[in-house]
Amino acid sequence: MYRITKEFHFSASHKLSHLPADHQCARLHGHNYIVVVELAAPTLDSDGFVRDYGELKALKTYIDDTFDHRHLNDVLDVHSTGENMARHFYDWCRARWPETTAVKVSETPKTWAEYRP
């Protein structure tokens, strides 16, 4: 199996209001997010790619237009947890690129969530 990944960055704020008031994530705060999309295929296309990295620029455009320097509570219809964001980006990517196998979203250098069906 061949695998490729591409990493994207954005900054955004959020607040998880459903958590107890003393929980740190219940307060308004922000992160410098990293989104990593993974695609895999058992064979390569005629150009020798799983998928041309240039095509993945569409995800960068989507992230920049929808998420970068935004308040995530205003743009997501689910709690803005890393887990929900990983699933959101996975679904967006999978609809465009069937080779998508996983998406990882990091909130900090030491924390991340991944959606991999």
C-alpha atoms as a PDB file:
ATOM      1  CA  MET A   1       0.000   0.000   0.000  1.00  0.00           C
ATOM      2  CA  TYR A   2       1.288   3.459  -0.913  1.00  0.00           C
ATOM      3  CA  ARG A   3       0.562   6.324   1.505  1.00  0.00           C
ATOM      4  CA  ILE A   4       0.987  10.071   1.235  1.00  0.00           C
ATOM      5  CA  THR A   5       0.281  12.821   3.744  1.00  0.00           C
ATOM      6  CA  LYS A   6       0.049  16.574   3.534  1.00  0.00           C
ATOM      7  CA  GLU A   7       0.007  19.030   6.428  1.00  0.00           C
ATOM      8  CA  PHE A   8      -1.999  22.260   6.711  1.00  0.00           C
ATOM      9  CA  HIS A   9      -1.954  24.983   9.385  1.00  0.00           C
ATOM     10  CA  PHE A  10      -4.508  27.465  10.675  1.00  0.00           C
ATOM     11  CA  SER A  11      -5.271  29.498  13.785  1.00  0.00           C
ATOM     12  CA  ALA A  12      -8.707  29.723  15.356  1.00  0.00           C
ATOM     13  CA  SER A  13     -10.549  30.213  18.620  1.00  0.00           C
ATOM     14  CA  HIS A  14     -13.205  28.096  20.231  1.00  0.00           C
ATOM     15  CA  LYS A  15     -15.061  27.460  23.450  1.00  0.00           C
ATOM     16  CA  LEU A  16     -16.567  24.190  24.635  1.00  0.00           C
ATOM     17  CA  SER A  17     -19.540  25.637  26.530  1.00  0.00           C
ATOM     18  CA  HIS A  18     -21.033  22.226  27.304  1.00  0.00           C
ATOM     19  CA  LEU A  19     -18.165  21.456  29.708  1.00  0.00           C
ATOM     20  CA  PRO A  20     -18.168  22.418  33.407  1.00  0.00           C
ATOM     21  CA  ALA A  21     -17.318  26.093  33.971  1.00  0.00           C
ATOM     22  CA  ASP A  22     -14.039  25.222  35.703  1.00  0.00           C
ATOM     23  CA  HIS A  23     -12.777  23.180  32.721  1.00  0.00           C
ATOM     24  CA  GLN A  24     -10.038  25.065  30.837  1.00  0.00           C
ATOM     25  CA  CYS A  25     -11.707  24.378  27.488  1.00  0.00           C
ATOM     26  CA  ALA A  26     -14.966  25.958  28.682  1.00  0.00           C
ATOM     27  CA  ARG A  27     -13.242  29.343  28.423  1.00  0.00           C
ATOM     28  CA  LEU A  28     -12.658  31.153  25.158  1.00  0.00           C
ATOM     29  CA  HIS A  29      -9.206  30.218  23.879  1.00  0.00           C
ATOM     30  CA  GLY A  30      -7.362  29.517  20.655  1.00  0.00           C
ATOM     31  CA  HIS A  31      -4.998  27.085  19.019  1.00  0.00           C
ATOM     32  CA  ASN A  32      -2.579  26.954  16.135  1.00  0.00           C
ATOM     33  CA  TYR A  33      -4.071  23.876  14.511  1.00  0.00           C
ATOM     34  CA  ILE A  34      -2.302  21.388  12.280  1.00  0.00           C
ATOM     35  CA  VAL A  35      -4.378  19.210   9.969  1.00  0.00           C
ATOM     36  CA  VAL A  36      -2.724  16.183   8.358  1.00  0.00           C
ATOM     37  CA  VAL A  37      -4.582  14.327   5.630  1.00  0.00           C
ATOM     38  CA  GLU A  38      -3.502  10.821   4.647  1.00  0.00           C
ATOM     39  CA  LEU A  39      -4.320   9.129   1.344  1.00  0.00           C
ATOM     40  CA  ALA A  40      -3.488   5.564   0.355  1.00  0.00           C
ATOM     41  CA  ALA A  41      -3.775   3.313  -2.666  1.00  0.00           C
ATOM     42  CA  PRO A  42      -2.573  -0.193  -3.528  1.00  0.00           C
ATOM     43  CA  THR A  43      -1.279   1.035  -6.893  1.00  0.00           C
ATOM     44  CA  LEU A  44      -0.066   4.308  -8.334  1.00  0.00           C
ATOM     45  CA  ASP A  45      -1.724   6.248 -11.135  1.00  0.00           C
ATOM     46  CA  SER A  46      -0.070   6.600 -14.555  1.00  0.00           C
ATOM     47  CA  ASP A  47       1.997   9.550 -13.269  1.00  0.00           C
ATOM     48  CA  GLY A  48       3.324   7.523 -10.336  1.00  0.00           C
ATOM     49  CA  PHE A  49       1.129   9.183  -7.677  1.00  0.00           C
ATOM     50  CA  VAL A  50      -1.410   8.086  -5.099  1.00  0.00           C
ATOM     51  CA  ARG A  51      -2.793  11.583  -5.722  1.00  0.00           C
ATOM     52  CA  ASP A  52      -0.958  14.651  -7.041  1.00  0.00           C
ATOM     53  CA  TYR A  53      -0.120  16.872  -4.042  1.00  0.00           C
ATOM     54  CA  GLY A  54      -1.181  19.867  -6.124  1.00  0.00           C
ATOM     55  CA  GLU A  55      -4.779  18.670  -6.005  1.00  0.00           C
ATOM     56  CA  LEU A  56      -4.692  18.833  -2.206  1.00  0.00           C
ATOM     57  CA  LYS A  57      -4.371  22.625  -2.378  1.00  0.00           C
ATOM     58  CA  ALA A  58      -8.176  22.604  -2.413  1.00  0.00           C
ATOM     59  CA  LEU A  59      -8.090  21.648   1.267  1.00  0.00           C
ATOM     60  CA  LYS A  60      -5.796  24.605   2.018  1.00  0.00           C
ATOM     61  CA  THR A  61      -8.243  26.936   0.277  1.00  0.00           C
ATOM     62  CA  TYR A  62     -11.174  25.455   2.224  1.00  0.00           C
ATOM     63  CA  ILE A  63      -9.314  25.788   5.538  1.00  0.00           C
ATOM     64  CA  ASP A  64      -8.219  29.361   4.799  1.00  0.00           C
ATOM     65  CA  ASP A  65     -11.679  30.464   3.672  1.00  0.00           C
ATOM     66  CA  THR A  66     -13.688  28.695   6.385  1.00  0.00           C
ATOM     67  CA  PHE A  67     -11.542  28.184   9.491  1.00  0.00           C
ATOM     68  CA  ASP A  68      -8.417  30.338   9.589  1.00  0.00           C
ATOM     69  CA  HIS A  69      -8.650  33.172  12.133  1.00  0.00           C
ATOM     70  CA  ARG A  70     -12.298  32.338  12.832  1.00  0.00           C
ATOM     71  CA  HIS A  71     -14.263  31.345  15.897  1.00  0.00           C
ATOM     72  CA  LEU A  72     -14.938  27.621  15.363  1.00  0.00           C
ATOM     73  CA  ASN A  73     -18.237  27.731  17.265  1.00  0.00           C
ATOM     74  CA  ASP A  74     -19.524  29.954  14.436  1.00  0.00           C
ATOM     75  CA  VAL A  75     -18.455  27.650  11.583  1.00  0.00           C
ATOM     76  CA  LEU A  76     -19.024  24.103  12.895  1.00  0.00           C
ATOM     77  CA  ASP A  77     -22.392  22.548  13.634  1.00  0.00           C
ATOM     78  CA  VAL A  78     -20.879  20.192  16.241  1.00  0.00           C
ATOM     79  CA  HIS A  79     -18.769  20.760  19.371  1.00  0.00           C
ATOM     80  CA  SER A  80     -15.425  22.078  18.157  1.00  0.00           C
ATOM     81  CA  THR A  81     -13.351  19.254  19.616  1.00  0.00           C
ATOM     82  CA  GLY A  82     -10.326  17.875  17.806  1.00  0.00           C
ATOM     83  CA  GLU A  83     -12.189  14.609  17.336  1.00  0.00           C
ATOM     84  CA  ASN A  84     -15.158  16.274  15.619  1.00  0.00           C
ATOM     85  CA  MET A  85     -12.871  18.410  13.499  1.00  0.00           C
ATOM     86  CA  ALA A  86     -10.901  15.356  12.362  1.00  0.00           C
ATOM     87  CA  ARG A  87     -14.154  13.721  11.249  1.00  0.00           C
ATOM     88  CA  HIS A  88     -15.316  16.909   9.533  1.00  0.00           C
ATOM     89  CA  PHE A  89     -12.104  17.238   7.523  1.00  0.00           C
ATOM     90  CA  TYR A  90     -12.092  13.514   6.756  1.00  0.00           C
ATOM     91  CA  ASP A  91     -15.617  13.699   5.317  1.00  0.00           C
ATOM     92  CA  TRP A  92     -14.721  16.793   3.274  1.00  0.00           C
ATOM     93  CA  CYS A  93     -11.591  15.135   1.870  1.00  0.00           C
ATOM     94  CA  ARG A  94     -13.163  11.723   1.264  1.00  0.00           C
ATOM     95  CA  ALA A  95     -15.935  13.326  -0.818  1.00  0.00           C
ATOM     96  CA  ARG A  96     -13.232  14.706  -3.142  1.00  0.00           C
ATOM     97  CA  TRP A  97     -10.508  12.110  -2.907  1.00  0.00           C
ATOM     98  CA  PRO A  98     -11.660   8.516  -2.338  1.00  0.00           C
ATOM     99  CA  GLU A  99      -8.096   7.532  -1.416  1.00  0.00           C
ATOM    100  CA  THR A 100      -8.440   9.481   1.877  1.00  0.00           C
ATOM    101  CA  THR A 101      -7.802   7.089   4.766  1.00  0.00           C
ATOM    102  CA  ALA A 102      -7.356   9.366   7.794  1.00  0.00           C
ATOM    103  CA  VAL A 103      -7.209  12.918   9.060  1.00  0.00           C
ATOM    104  CA  LYS A 104      -5.338  14.050  12.147  1.00  0.00           C
ATOM    105  CA  VAL A 105      -5.975  17.391  13.877  1.00  0.00           C
ATOM    106  CA  SER A 106      -3.429  18.727  16.382  1.00  0.00           C
ATOM    107  CA  GLU A 107      -4.386  21.463  18.820  1.00  0.00           C
ATOM    108  CA  THR A 108      -0.939  21.634  20.398  1.00  0.00           C
ATOM    109  CA  PRO A 109       2.402  19.977  19.673  1.00  0.00           C
ATOM    110  CA  LYS A 110       1.514  17.319  22.260  1.00  0.00           C
ATOM    111  CA  THR A 111      -2.189  16.700  21.586  1.00  0.00           C
ATOM    112  CA  TRP A 112      -4.011  15.431  18.552  1.00  0.00           C
ATOM    113  CA  ALA A 113      -7.118  13.578  17.463  1.00  0.00           C
ATOM    114  CA  GLU A 114      -7.453  11.311  14.464  1.00  0.00           C
ATOM    115  CA  TYR A 115     -10.379  10.004  12.475  1.00  0.00           C
ATOM    116  CA  ARG A 116      -9.655   6.792  10.607  1.00  0.00           C
ATOM    117  CA  PRO A 117     -12.669   4.610   9.775  1.00  0.00           C
END
